[in-house]
Amino acid sequence: MKIVNKELIEKFAAKHADAAGALNRWIAQIERSAFSKHSELKAAFPSVDYIGKGRYVFNIKGNDYRLVAVVVFVSGLLTVCFIGAHAEYSRVDCLTVIQ
């Protein structure tokens, strides 16, 4: 899949060095995969949650951080909308947020 808005991840990793390794592994797995449906994504990322409007929430670094992305399986695109600490995630409307 192609990751759109990857600069959000890069900026976040620069500020949160403890998340950099987990984020790099997540990026590598997404980019080498060609998910065509929800069940394939869920098989690769068992903790991912679908929250509506094509948006998925990924747990990063043992759920210390959350990443919200729109996944369009047909076009093979994943657009990063939000990445932050678990507490920050709890305060945003993940169905509308785009950082």
PDB file of N, CA and C in Angstrom:
ATOM      1  N   MET A   1       0.852  -1.178   0.000  1.00  0.00           N
ATOM      2  CA  MET A   1       0.000   0.000   0.000  1.00  0.00           C
ATOM      3  C   MET A   1       0.893   1.235   0.000  1.00  0.00           C
ATOM      4  N   LYS A   2       0.355   2.277  -0.541  1.00  0.00           N
ATOM      5  CA  LYS A   2       1.056   3.560  -0.536  1.00  0.00           C
ATOM      6  C   LYS A   2       0.540   4.388   0.638  1.00  0.00           C
ATOM      7  N   ILE A   3       1.462   4.959   1.405  1.00  0.00           N
ATOM      8  CA  ILE A   3       1.103   5.786   2.553  1.00  0.00           C
ATOM      9  C   ILE A   3       1.098   7.246   2.126  1.00  0.00           C
ATOM     10  N   VAL A   4      -0.043   7.891   2.297  1.00  0.00           N
ATOM     11  CA  VAL A   4      -0.199   9.309   2.010  1.00  0.00           C
ATOM     12  C   VAL A   4      -0.092  10.069   3.326  1.00  0.00           C
ATOM     13  N   ASN A   5       0.559  11.204   3.310  1.00  0.00           N
ATOM     14  CA  ASN A   5       0.716  12.042   4.497  1.00  0.00           C
ATOM     15  C   ASN A   5       1.722  11.434   5.482  1.00  0.00           C
ATOM     16  N   LYS A   6       2.725  10.734   4.941  1.00  0.00           N
ATOM     17  CA  LYS A   6       3.738  10.074   5.772  1.00  0.00           C
ATOM     18  C   LYS A   6       4.532  11.080   6.595  1.00  0.00           C
ATOM     19  N   GLU A   7       4.556  12.343   6.159  1.00  0.00           N
ATOM     20  CA  GLU A   7       5.307  13.351   6.914  1.00  0.00           C
ATOM     21  C   GLU A   7       4.775  13.521   8.335  1.00  0.00           C
ATOM     22  N   LEU A   8       3.494  13.241   8.568  1.00  0.00           N
ATOM     23  CA  LEU A   8       2.970  13.277   9.945  1.00  0.00           C
ATOM     24  C   LEU A   8       3.702  12.256  10.823  1.00  0.00           C
ATOM     25  N   ILE A   9       3.934  11.085  10.281  1.00  0.00           N
ATOM     26  CA  ILE A   9       4.633  10.041  11.026  1.00  0.00           C
ATOM     27  C   ILE A   9       6.071  10.466  11.286  1.00  0.00           C
ATOM     28  N   GLU A  10       6.715  11.010  10.262  1.00  0.00           N
ATOM     29  CA  GLU A  10       8.111  11.423  10.399  1.00  0.00           C
ATOM     30  C   GLU A  10       8.273  12.528  11.442  1.00  0.00           C
ATOM     31  N   LYS A  11       7.377  13.512  11.430  1.00  0.00           N
ATOM     32  CA  LYS A  11       7.428  14.591  12.419  1.00  0.00           C
ATOM     33  C   LYS A  11       7.187  14.047  13.828  1.00  0.00           C
ATOM     34  N   PHE A  12       6.233  13.141  13.943  1.00  0.00           N
ATOM     35  CA  PHE A  12       5.922  12.561  15.242  1.00  0.00           C
ATOM     36  C   PHE A  12       7.112  11.766  15.769  1.00  0.00           C
ATOM     37  N   ALA A  13       7.720  10.946  14.909  1.00  0.00           N
ATOM     38  CA  ALA A  13       8.864  10.130  15.314  1.00  0.00           C
ATOM     39  C   ALA A  13      10.047  10.997  15.727  1.00  0.00           C
ATOM     40  N   ALA A  14      10.206  12.163  15.092  1.00  0.00           N
ATOM     41  CA  ALA A  14      11.298  13.064  15.459  1.00  0.00           C
ATOM     42  C   ALA A  14      11.107  13.621  16.867  1.00  0.00           C
ATOM     43  N   LYS A  15       9.859  13.815  17.269  1.00  0.00           N
ATOM     44  CA  LYS A  15       9.560  14.340  18.601  1.00  0.00           C
ATOM     45  C   LYS A  15       9.453  13.244  19.655  1.00  0.00           C
ATOM     46  N   HIS A  16       9.128  12.038  19.227  1.00  0.00           N
ATOM     47  CA  HIS A  16       8.912  10.912  20.141  1.00  0.00           C
ATOM     48  C   HIS A  16       9.828   9.765  19.726  1.00  0.00           C
ATOM     49  N   ALA A  17      11.091   9.882  20.063  1.00  0.00           N
ATOM     50  CA  ALA A  17      12.099   8.907  19.639  1.00  0.00           C
ATOM     51  C   ALA A  17      11.756   7.485  20.078  1.00  0.00           C
ATOM     52  N   ASP A  18      11.054   7.356  21.187  1.00  0.00           N
ATOM     53  CA  ASP A  18      10.696   6.018  21.672  1.00  0.00           C
ATOM     54  C   ASP A  18       9.729   5.298  20.735  1.00  0.00           C
ATOM     55  N   ALA A  19       9.049   6.042  19.874  1.00  0.00           N
ATOM     56  CA  ALA A  19       8.088   5.451  18.943  1.00  0.00           C
ATOM     57  C   ALA A  19       8.694   5.168  17.580  1.00  0.00           C
ATOM     58  N   ALA A  20       9.883   5.676  17.306  1.00  0.00           N
ATOM     59  CA  ALA A  20      10.471   5.607  15.961  1.00  0.00           C
ATOM     60  C   ALA A  20      10.608   4.176  15.446  1.00  0.00           C
ATOM     61  N   GLY A  21      11.109   3.283  16.260  1.00  0.00           N
ATOM     62  CA  GLY A  21      11.284   1.896  15.826  1.00  0.00           C
ATOM     63  C   GLY A  21       9.968   1.228  15.480  1.00  0.00           C
ATOM     64  N   ALA A  22       8.980   1.394  16.343  1.00  0.00           N
ATOM     65  CA  ALA A  22       7.661   0.803  16.099  1.00  0.00           C
ATOM     66  C   ALA A  22       7.021   1.399  14.854  1.00  0.00           C
ATOM     67  N   LEU A  23       7.164   2.696  14.671  1.00  0.00           N
ATOM     68  CA  LEU A  23       6.598   3.345  13.487  1.00  0.00           C
ATOM     69  C   LEU A  23       7.286   2.886  12.208  1.00  0.00           C
ATOM     70  N   ASN A  24       8.597   2.729  12.258  1.00  0.00           N
ATOM     71  CA  ASN A  24       9.320   2.245  11.075  1.00  0.00           C
ATOM     72  C   ASN A  24       8.898   0.825  10.705  1.00  0.00           C
ATOM     73  N   ARG A  25       8.673  -0.016  11.703  1.00  0.00           N
ATOM     74  CA  ARG A  25       8.191  -1.376  11.431  1.00  0.00           C
ATOM     75  C   ARG A  25       6.786  -1.347  10.845  1.00  0.00           C
ATOM     76  N   TRP A  26       5.930  -0.462  11.376  1.00  0.00           N
ATOM     77  CA  TRP A  26       4.562  -0.326  10.869  1.00  0.00           C
ATOM     78  C   TRP A  26       4.592   0.124   9.407  1.00  0.00           C
ATOM     79  N   ILE A  27       5.399   1.155   9.111  1.00  0.00           N
ATOM     80  CA  ILE A  27       5.523   1.660   7.740  1.00  0.00           C
ATOM     81  C   ILE A  27       5.980   0.546   6.806  1.00  0.00           C
ATOM     82  N   ALA A  28       7.007  -0.182   7.198  1.00  0.00           N
ATOM     83  CA  ALA A  28       7.547  -1.248   6.352  1.00  0.00           C
ATOM     84  C   ALA A  28       6.487  -2.307   6.057  1.00  0.00           C
ATOM     85  N   GLN A  29       5.725  -2.682   7.068  1.00  0.00           N
ATOM     86  CA  GLN A  29       4.695  -3.702   6.861  1.00  0.00           C
ATOM     87  C   GLN A  29       3.581  -3.200   5.959  1.00  0.00           C
ATOM     88  N   ILE A  30       3.158  -1.966   6.146  1.00  0.00           N
ATOM     89  CA  ILE A  30       2.106  -1.401   5.295  1.00  0.00           C
ATOM     90  C   ILE A  30       2.591  -1.318   3.854  1.00  0.00           C
ATOM     91  N   GLU A  31       3.799  -0.787   3.646  1.00  0.00           N
ATOM     92  CA  GLU A  31       4.296  -0.553   2.289  1.00  0.00           C
ATOM     93  C   GLU A  31       4.598  -1.841   1.520  1.00  0.00           C
ATOM     94  N   ARG A  32       4.900  -2.914   2.207  1.00  0.00           N
ATOM     95  CA  ARG A  32       5.174  -4.157   1.484  1.00  0.00           C
ATOM     96  C   ARG A  32       3.919  -5.014   1.299  1.00  0.00           C
ATOM     97  N   SER A  33       2.789  -4.528   1.786  1.00  0.00           N
ATOM     98  CA  SER A  33       1.538  -5.277   1.701  1.00  0.00           C
ATOM     99  C   SER A  33       0.614  -4.694   0.642  1.00  0.00           C
ATOM    100  N   ALA A  34      -0.277  -5.541   0.171  1.00  0.00           N
ATOM    101  CA  ALA A  34      -1.293  -5.110  -0.788  1.00  0.00           C
ATOM    102  C   ALA A  34      -2.651  -5.572  -0.268  1.00  0.00           C
ATOM    103  N   PHE A  35      -3.083  -4.953   0.817  1.00  0.00           N
ATOM    104  CA  PHE A  35      -4.356  -5.340   1.418  1.00  0.00           C
ATOM    105  C   PHE A  35      -5.497  -4.992   0.469  1.00  0.00           C
ATOM    106  N   SER A  36      -6.380  -5.961   0.243  1.00  0.00           N
ATOM    107  CA  SER A  36      -7.519  -5.703  -0.638  1.00  0.00           C
ATOM    108  C   SER A  36      -8.846  -5.694   0.099  1.00  0.00           C
ATOM    109  N   LYS A  37      -8.794  -6.029   1.407  1.00  0.00           N
ATOM    110  CA  LYS A  37     -10.021  -6.020   2.198  1.00  0.00           C
ATOM    111  C   LYS A  37      -9.688  -5.990   3.686  1.00  0.00           C
ATOM    112  N   HIS A  38     -10.718  -5.675   4.447  1.00  0.00           N
ATOM    113  CA  HIS A  38     -10.594  -5.525   5.898  1.00  0.00           C
ATOM    114  C   HIS A  38      -9.969  -6.753   6.557  1.00  0.00           C
ATOM    115  N   SER A  39     -10.407  -7.929   6.182  1.00  0.00           N
ATOM    116  CA  SER A  39      -9.925  -9.147   6.843  1.00  0.00           C
ATOM    117  C   SER A  39      -8.416  -9.344   6.662  1.00  0.00           C
ATOM    118  N   GLU A  40      -7.867  -8.933   5.536  1.00  0.00           N
ATOM    119  CA  GLU A  40      -6.422  -9.037   5.316  1.00  0.00           C
ATOM    120  C   GLU A  40      -5.662  -8.064   6.216  1.00  0.00           C
ATOM    121  N   LEU A  41      -6.196  -6.857   6.350  1.00  0.00           N
ATOM    122  CA  LEU A  41      -5.582  -5.865   7.238  1.00  0.00           C
ATOM    123  C   LEU A  41      -5.637  -6.355   8.680  1.00  0.00           C
ATOM    124  N   LYS A  42      -6.765  -6.891   9.070  1.00  0.00           N
ATOM    125  CA  LYS A  42      -6.961  -7.392  10.437  1.00  0.00           C
ATOM    126  C   LYS A  42      -6.050  -8.586  10.725  1.00  0.00           C
ATOM    127  N   ALA A  43      -5.794  -9.411   9.726  1.00  0.00           N
ATOM    128  CA  ALA A  43      -4.896 -10.551   9.916  1.00  0.00           C
ATOM    129  C   ALA A  43      -3.460 -10.086  10.175  1.00  0.00           C
ATOM    130  N   ALA A  44      -3.058  -9.025   9.500  1.00  0.00           N
ATOM    131  CA  ALA A  44      -1.705  -8.491   9.671  1.00  0.00           C
ATOM    132  C   ALA A  44      -1.569  -7.663  10.940  1.00  0.00           C
ATOM    133  N   PHE A  45      -2.642  -6.967  11.307  1.00  0.00           N
ATOM    134  CA  PHE A  45      -2.659  -6.093  12.487  1.00  0.00           C
ATOM    135  C   PHE A  45      -3.871  -6.467  13.344  1.00  0.00           C
ATOM    136  N   PRO A  46      -3.763  -7.504  14.163  1.00  0.00           N
ATOM    137  CA  PRO A  46      -4.924  -7.991  14.927  1.00  0.00           C
ATOM    138  C   PRO A  46      -5.575  -6.945  15.830  1.00  0.00           C
ATOM    139  N   SER A  47      -4.829  -5.952  16.284  1.00  0.00           N
ATOM    140  CA  SER A  47      -5.414  -4.957  17.196  1.00  0.00           C
ATOM    141  C   SER A  47      -6.031  -3.762  16.473  1.00  0.00           C
ATOM    142  N   VAL A  48      -5.968  -3.722  15.141  1.00  0.00           N
ATOM    143  CA  VAL A  48      -6.544  -2.588  14.416  1.00  0.00           C
ATOM    144  C   VAL A  48      -8.066  -2.584  14.598  1.00  0.00           C
ATOM    145  N   ASP A  49      -8.625  -1.382  14.738  1.00  0.00           N
ATOM    146  CA  ASP A  49     -10.075  -1.236  14.884  1.00  0.00           C
ATOM    147  C   ASP A  49     -10.616  -0.369  13.765  1.00  0.00           C
ATOM    148  N   TYR A  50     -11.714  -0.806  13.156  1.00  0.00           N
ATOM    149  CA  TYR A  50     -12.428   0.006  12.173  1.00  0.00           C
ATOM    150  C   TYR A  50     -13.390   0.899  12.939  1.00  0.00           C
ATOM    151  N   ILE A  51     -13.343   2.227  12.686  1.00  0.00           N
ATOM    152  CA  ILE A  51     -14.193   3.153  13.440  1.00  0.00           C
ATOM    153  C   ILE A  51     -15.217   3.866  12.567  1.00  0.00           C
ATOM    154  N   GLY A  52     -15.266   3.533  11.286  1.00  0.00           N
ATOM    155  CA  GLY A  52     -16.232   4.127  10.373  1.00  0.00           C
ATOM    156  C   GLY A  52     -15.589   5.088   9.392  1.00  0.00           C
ATOM    157  N   LYS A  53     -16.322   5.406   8.322  1.00  0.00           N
ATOM    158  CA  LYS A  53     -15.861   6.329   7.279  1.00  0.00           C
ATOM    159  C   LYS A  53     -14.500   5.925   6.702  1.00  0.00           C
ATOM    160  N   GLY A  54     -14.265   4.616   6.605  1.00  0.00           N
ATOM    161  CA  GLY A  54     -13.027   4.118   6.044  1.00  0.00           C
ATOM    162  C   GLY A  54     -11.822   4.271   6.950  1.00  0.00           C
ATOM    163  N   ARG A  55     -12.060   4.667   8.193  1.00  0.00           N
ATOM    164  CA  ARG A  55     -10.951   4.950   9.121  1.00  0.00           C
ATOM    165  C   ARG A  55     -10.663   3.774  10.042  1.00  0.00           C
ATOM    166  N   TYR A  56      -9.361   3.565  10.230  1.00  0.00           N
ATOM    167  CA  TYR A  56      -8.861   2.511  11.090  1.00  0.00           C
ATOM    168  C   TYR A  56      -7.936   3.108  12.135  1.00  0.00           C
ATOM    169  N   VAL A  57      -7.964   2.523  13.334  1.00  0.00           N
ATOM    170  CA  VAL A  57      -7.085   2.949  14.418  1.00  0.00           C
ATOM    171  C   VAL A  57      -6.076   1.837  14.670  1.00  0.00           C
ATOM    172  N   PHE A  58      -4.791   2.194  14.550  1.00  0.00           N
ATOM    173  CA  PHE A  58      -3.693   1.268  14.796  1.00  0.00           C
ATOM    174  C   PHE A  58      -3.054   1.595  16.134  1.00  0.00           C
ATOM    175  N   ASN A  59      -2.774   0.573  16.919  1.00  0.00           N
ATOM    176  CA  ASN A  59      -2.016   0.737  18.162  1.00  0.00           C
ATOM    177  C   ASN A  59      -0.536   0.692  17.802  1.00  0.00           C
ATOM    178  N   ILE A  60       0.200   1.666  18.273  1.00  0.00           N
ATOM    179  CA  ILE A  60       1.631   1.747  18.006  1.00  0.00           C
ATOM    180  C   ILE A  60       2.380   1.643  19.328  1.00  0.00           C
ATOM    181  N   LYS A  61       3.435   0.852  19.331  1.00  0.00           N
ATOM    182  CA  LYS A  61       4.287   0.662  20.507  1.00  0.00           C
ATOM    183  C   LYS A  61       3.465   0.212  21.726  1.00  0.00           C
ATOM    184  N   GLY A  62       2.790  -0.915  21.539  1.00  0.00           N
ATOM    185  CA  GLY A  62       2.050  -1.502  22.658  1.00  0.00           C
ATOM    186  C   GLY A  62       0.924  -0.623  23.160  1.00  0.00           C
ATOM    187  N   ASN A  63       0.297   0.126  22.265  1.00  0.00           N
ATOM    188  CA  ASN A  63      -0.843   0.989  22.597  1.00  0.00           C
ATOM    189  C   ASN A  63      -0.436   2.267  23.320  1.00  0.00           C
ATOM    190  N   ASP A  64       0.860   2.597  23.343  1.00  0.00           N
ATOM    191  CA  ASP A  64       1.270   3.896  23.889  1.00  0.00           C
ATOM    192  C   ASP A  64       0.791   5.019  22.974  1.00  0.00           C
ATOM    193  N   TYR A  65       0.748   4.722  21.678  1.00  0.00           N
ATOM    194  CA  TYR A  65       0.365   5.714  20.674  1.00  0.00           C
ATOM    195  C   TYR A  65      -0.713   5.138  19.780  1.00  0.00           C
ATOM    196  N   ARG A  66      -1.474   6.042  19.172  1.00  0.00           N
ATOM    197  CA  ARG A  66      -2.532   5.649  18.248  1.00  0.00           C
ATOM    198  C   ARG A  66      -2.316   6.365  16.926  1.00  0.00           C
ATOM    199  N   LEU A  67      -2.551   5.644  15.847  1.00  0.00           N
ATOM    200  CA  LEU A  67      -2.471   6.205  14.511  1.00  0.00           C
ATOM    201  C   LEU A  67      -3.802   5.944  13.830  1.00  0.00           C
ATOM    202  N   VAL A  68      -4.418   7.008  13.308  1.00  0.00           N
ATOM    203  CA  VAL A  68      -5.693   6.889  12.609  1.00  0.00           C
ATOM    204  C   VAL A  68      -5.429   7.125  11.132  1.00  0.00           C
ATOM    205  N   ALA A  69      -5.962   6.245  10.306  1.00  0.00           N
ATOM    206  CA  ALA A  69      -5.756   6.357   8.865  1.00  0.00           C
ATOM    207  C   ALA A  69      -7.010   5.955   8.107  1.00  0.00           C
ATOM    208  N   VAL A  70      -7.191   6.601   6.964  1.00  0.00           N
ATOM    209  CA  VAL A  70      -8.235   6.193   6.025  1.00  0.00           C
ATOM    210  C   VAL A  70      -7.599   5.177   5.088  1.00  0.00           C
ATOM    211  N   VAL A  71      -8.228   4.026   4.961  1.00  0.00           N
ATOM    212  CA  VAL A  71      -7.723   2.981   4.082  1.00  0.00           C
ATOM    213  C   VAL A  71      -8.699   2.811   2.929  1.00  0.00           C
ATOM    214  N   VAL A  72      -8.171   2.969   1.716  1.00  0.00           N
ATOM    215  CA  VAL A  72      -8.970   2.755   0.507  1.00  0.00           C
ATOM    216  C   VAL A  72      -8.377   1.526  -0.176  1.00  0.00           C
ATOM    217  N   PHE A  73      -8.994   0.393   0.067  1.00  0.00           N
ATOM    218  CA  PHE A  73      -8.458  -0.872  -0.417  1.00  0.00           C
ATOM    219  C   PHE A  73      -8.392  -0.928  -1.940  1.00  0.00           C
ATOM    220  N   VAL A  74      -9.405  -0.409  -2.618  1.00  0.00           N
ATOM    221  CA  VAL A  74      -9.476  -0.483  -4.076  1.00  0.00           C
ATOM    222  C   VAL A  74      -8.284   0.199  -4.734  1.00  0.00           C
ATOM    223  N   SER A  75      -7.880   1.344  -4.194  1.00  0.00           N
ATOM    224  CA  SER A  75      -6.764   2.088  -4.787  1.00  0.00           C
ATOM    225  C   SER A  75      -5.423   1.796  -4.107  1.00  0.00           C
ATOM    226  N   GLY A  76      -5.443   1.038  -3.023  1.00  0.00           N
ATOM    227  CA  GLY A  76      -4.200   0.702  -2.331  1.00  0.00           C
ATOM    228  C   GLY A  76      -3.575   1.884  -1.606  1.00  0.00           C
ATOM    229  N   LEU A  77      -4.413   2.794  -1.116  1.00  0.00           N
ATOM    230  CA  LEU A  77      -3.923   3.982  -0.419  1.00  0.00           C
ATOM    231  C   LEU A  77      -4.308   3.958   1.054  1.00  0.00           C
ATOM    232  N   LEU A  78      -3.375   4.391   1.878  1.00  0.00           N
ATOM    233  CA  LEU A  78      -3.616   4.575   3.305  1.00  0.00           C
ATOM    234  C   LEU A  78      -3.204   6.010   3.624  1.00  0.00           C
ATOM    235  N   THR A  79      -4.158   6.822   4.048  1.00  0.00           N
ATOM    236  CA  THR A  79      -3.897   8.227   4.358  1.00  0.00           C
ATOM    237  C   THR A  79      -3.878   8.425   5.864  1.00  0.00           C
ATOM    238  N   VAL A  80      -2.742   8.864   6.380  1.00  0.00           N
ATOM    239  CA  VAL A  80      -2.599   9.108   7.816  1.00  0.00           C
ATOM    240  C   VAL A  80      -3.352  10.393   8.164  1.00  0.00           C
ATOM    241  N   CYS A  81      -4.246  10.288   9.155  1.00  0.00           N
ATOM    242  CA  CYS A  81      -5.052  11.437   9.588  1.00  0.00           C
ATOM    243  C   CYS A  81      -4.615  11.968  10.947  1.00  0.00           C
ATOM    244  N   PHE A  82      -4.124  11.091  11.796  1.00  0.00           N
ATOM    245  CA  PHE A  82      -3.781  11.485  13.168  1.00  0.00           C
ATOM    246  C   PHE A  82      -2.773  10.495  13.712  1.00  0.00           C
ATOM    247  N   ILE A  83      -1.844  11.009  14.485  1.00  0.00           N
ATOM    248  CA  ILE A  83      -0.977  10.160  15.297  1.00  0.00           C
ATOM    249  C   ILE A  83      -0.705  10.909  16.594  1.00  0.00           C
ATOM    250  N   GLY A  84      -0.842  10.214  17.699  1.00  0.00           N
ATOM    251  CA  GLY A  84      -0.620  10.855  18.992  1.00  0.00           C
ATOM    252  C   GLY A  84      -0.651   9.859  20.124  1.00  0.00           C
ATOM    253  N   ALA A  85      -0.404  10.365  21.307  1.00  0.00           N
ATOM    254  CA  ALA A  85      -0.461   9.543  22.509  1.00  0.00           C
ATOM    255  C   ALA A  85      -1.901   9.101  22.749  1.00  0.00           C
ATOM    256  N   HIS A  86      -2.037   8.036  23.490  1.00  0.00           N
ATOM    257  CA  HIS A  86      -3.364   7.494  23.777  1.00  0.00           C
ATOM    258  C   HIS A  86      -4.280   8.564  24.365  1.00  0.00           C
ATOM    259  N   ALA A  87      -3.771   9.394  25.261  1.00  0.00           N
ATOM    260  CA  ALA A  87      -4.581  10.454  25.886  1.00  0.00           C
ATOM    261  C   ALA A  87      -5.031  11.487  24.855  1.00  0.00           C
ATOM    262  N   GLU A  88      -4.165  11.821  23.901  1.00  0.00           N
ATOM    263  CA  GLU A  88      -4.537  12.779  22.846  1.00  0.00           C
ATOM    264  C   GLU A  88      -5.630  12.193  21.958  1.00  0.00           C
ATOM    265  N   TYR A  89      -5.500  10.921  21.642  1.00  0.00           N
ATOM    266  CA  TYR A  89      -6.486  10.226  20.821  1.00  0.00           C
ATOM    267  C   TYR A  89      -7.872  10.308  21.465  1.00  0.00           C
ATOM    268  N   SER A  90      -7.923  10.189  22.759  1.00  0.00           N
ATOM    269  CA  SER A  90      -9.196  10.220  23.479  1.00  0.00           C
ATOM    270  C   SER A  90      -9.897  11.563  23.384  1.00  0.00           C
ATOM    271  N   ARG A  91      -9.151  12.623  23.042  1.00  0.00           N
ATOM    272  CA  ARG A  91      -9.728  13.966  22.988  1.00  0.00           C
ATOM    273  C   ARG A  91     -10.085  14.452  21.585  1.00  0.00           C
ATOM    274  N   VAL A  92      -9.841  13.634  20.545  1.00  0.00           N
ATOM    275  CA  VAL A  92     -10.127  14.083  19.191  1.00  0.00           C
ATOM    276  C   VAL A  92     -11.278  13.290  18.588  1.00  0.00           C
ATOM    277  N   ASP A  93     -11.935  13.911  17.627  1.00  0.00           N
ATOM    278  CA  ASP A  93     -12.976  13.227  16.862  1.00  0.00           C
ATOM    279  C   ASP A  93     -12.295  12.549  15.680  1.00  0.00           C
ATOM    280  N   CYS A  94     -12.045  11.285  15.809  1.00  0.00           N
ATOM    281  CA  CYS A  94     -11.258  10.558  14.801  1.00  0.00           C
ATOM    282  C   CYS A  94     -11.971  10.377  13.474  1.00  0.00           C
ATOM    283  N   LEU A  95     -13.260  10.659  13.430  1.00  0.00           N
ATOM    284  CA  LEU A  95     -13.973  10.555  12.165  1.00  0.00           C
ATOM    285  C   LEU A  95     -13.829  11.812  11.314  1.00  0.00           C
ATOM    286  N   THR A  96     -13.291  12.877  11.909  1.00  0.00           N
ATOM    287  CA  THR A  96     -13.128  14.121  11.139  1.00  0.00           C
ATOM    288  C   THR A  96     -11.713  14.677  11.180  1.00  0.00           C
ATOM    289  N   VAL A  97     -10.893  14.248  12.104  1.00  0.00           N
ATOM    290  CA  VAL A  97      -9.572  14.854  12.312  1.00  0.00           C
ATOM    291  C   VAL A  97      -8.631  14.574  11.139  1.00  0.00           C
ATOM    292  N   ILE A  98      -7.911  15.589  10.751  1.00  0.00           N
ATOM    293  CA  ILE A  98      -6.767  15.470   9.857  1.00  0.00           C
ATOM    294  C   ILE A  98      -5.756  16.454  10.374  1.00  0.00           C
ATOM    295  N   GLN A  99      -4.607  15.959  10.834  1.00  0.00           N
ATOM    296  CA  GLN A  99      -3.587  16.832  11.431  1.00  0.00           C
ATOM    297  C   GLN A  99      -2.923  17.668  10.366  1.00  0.00           C
TER     298      GLN A  99
END
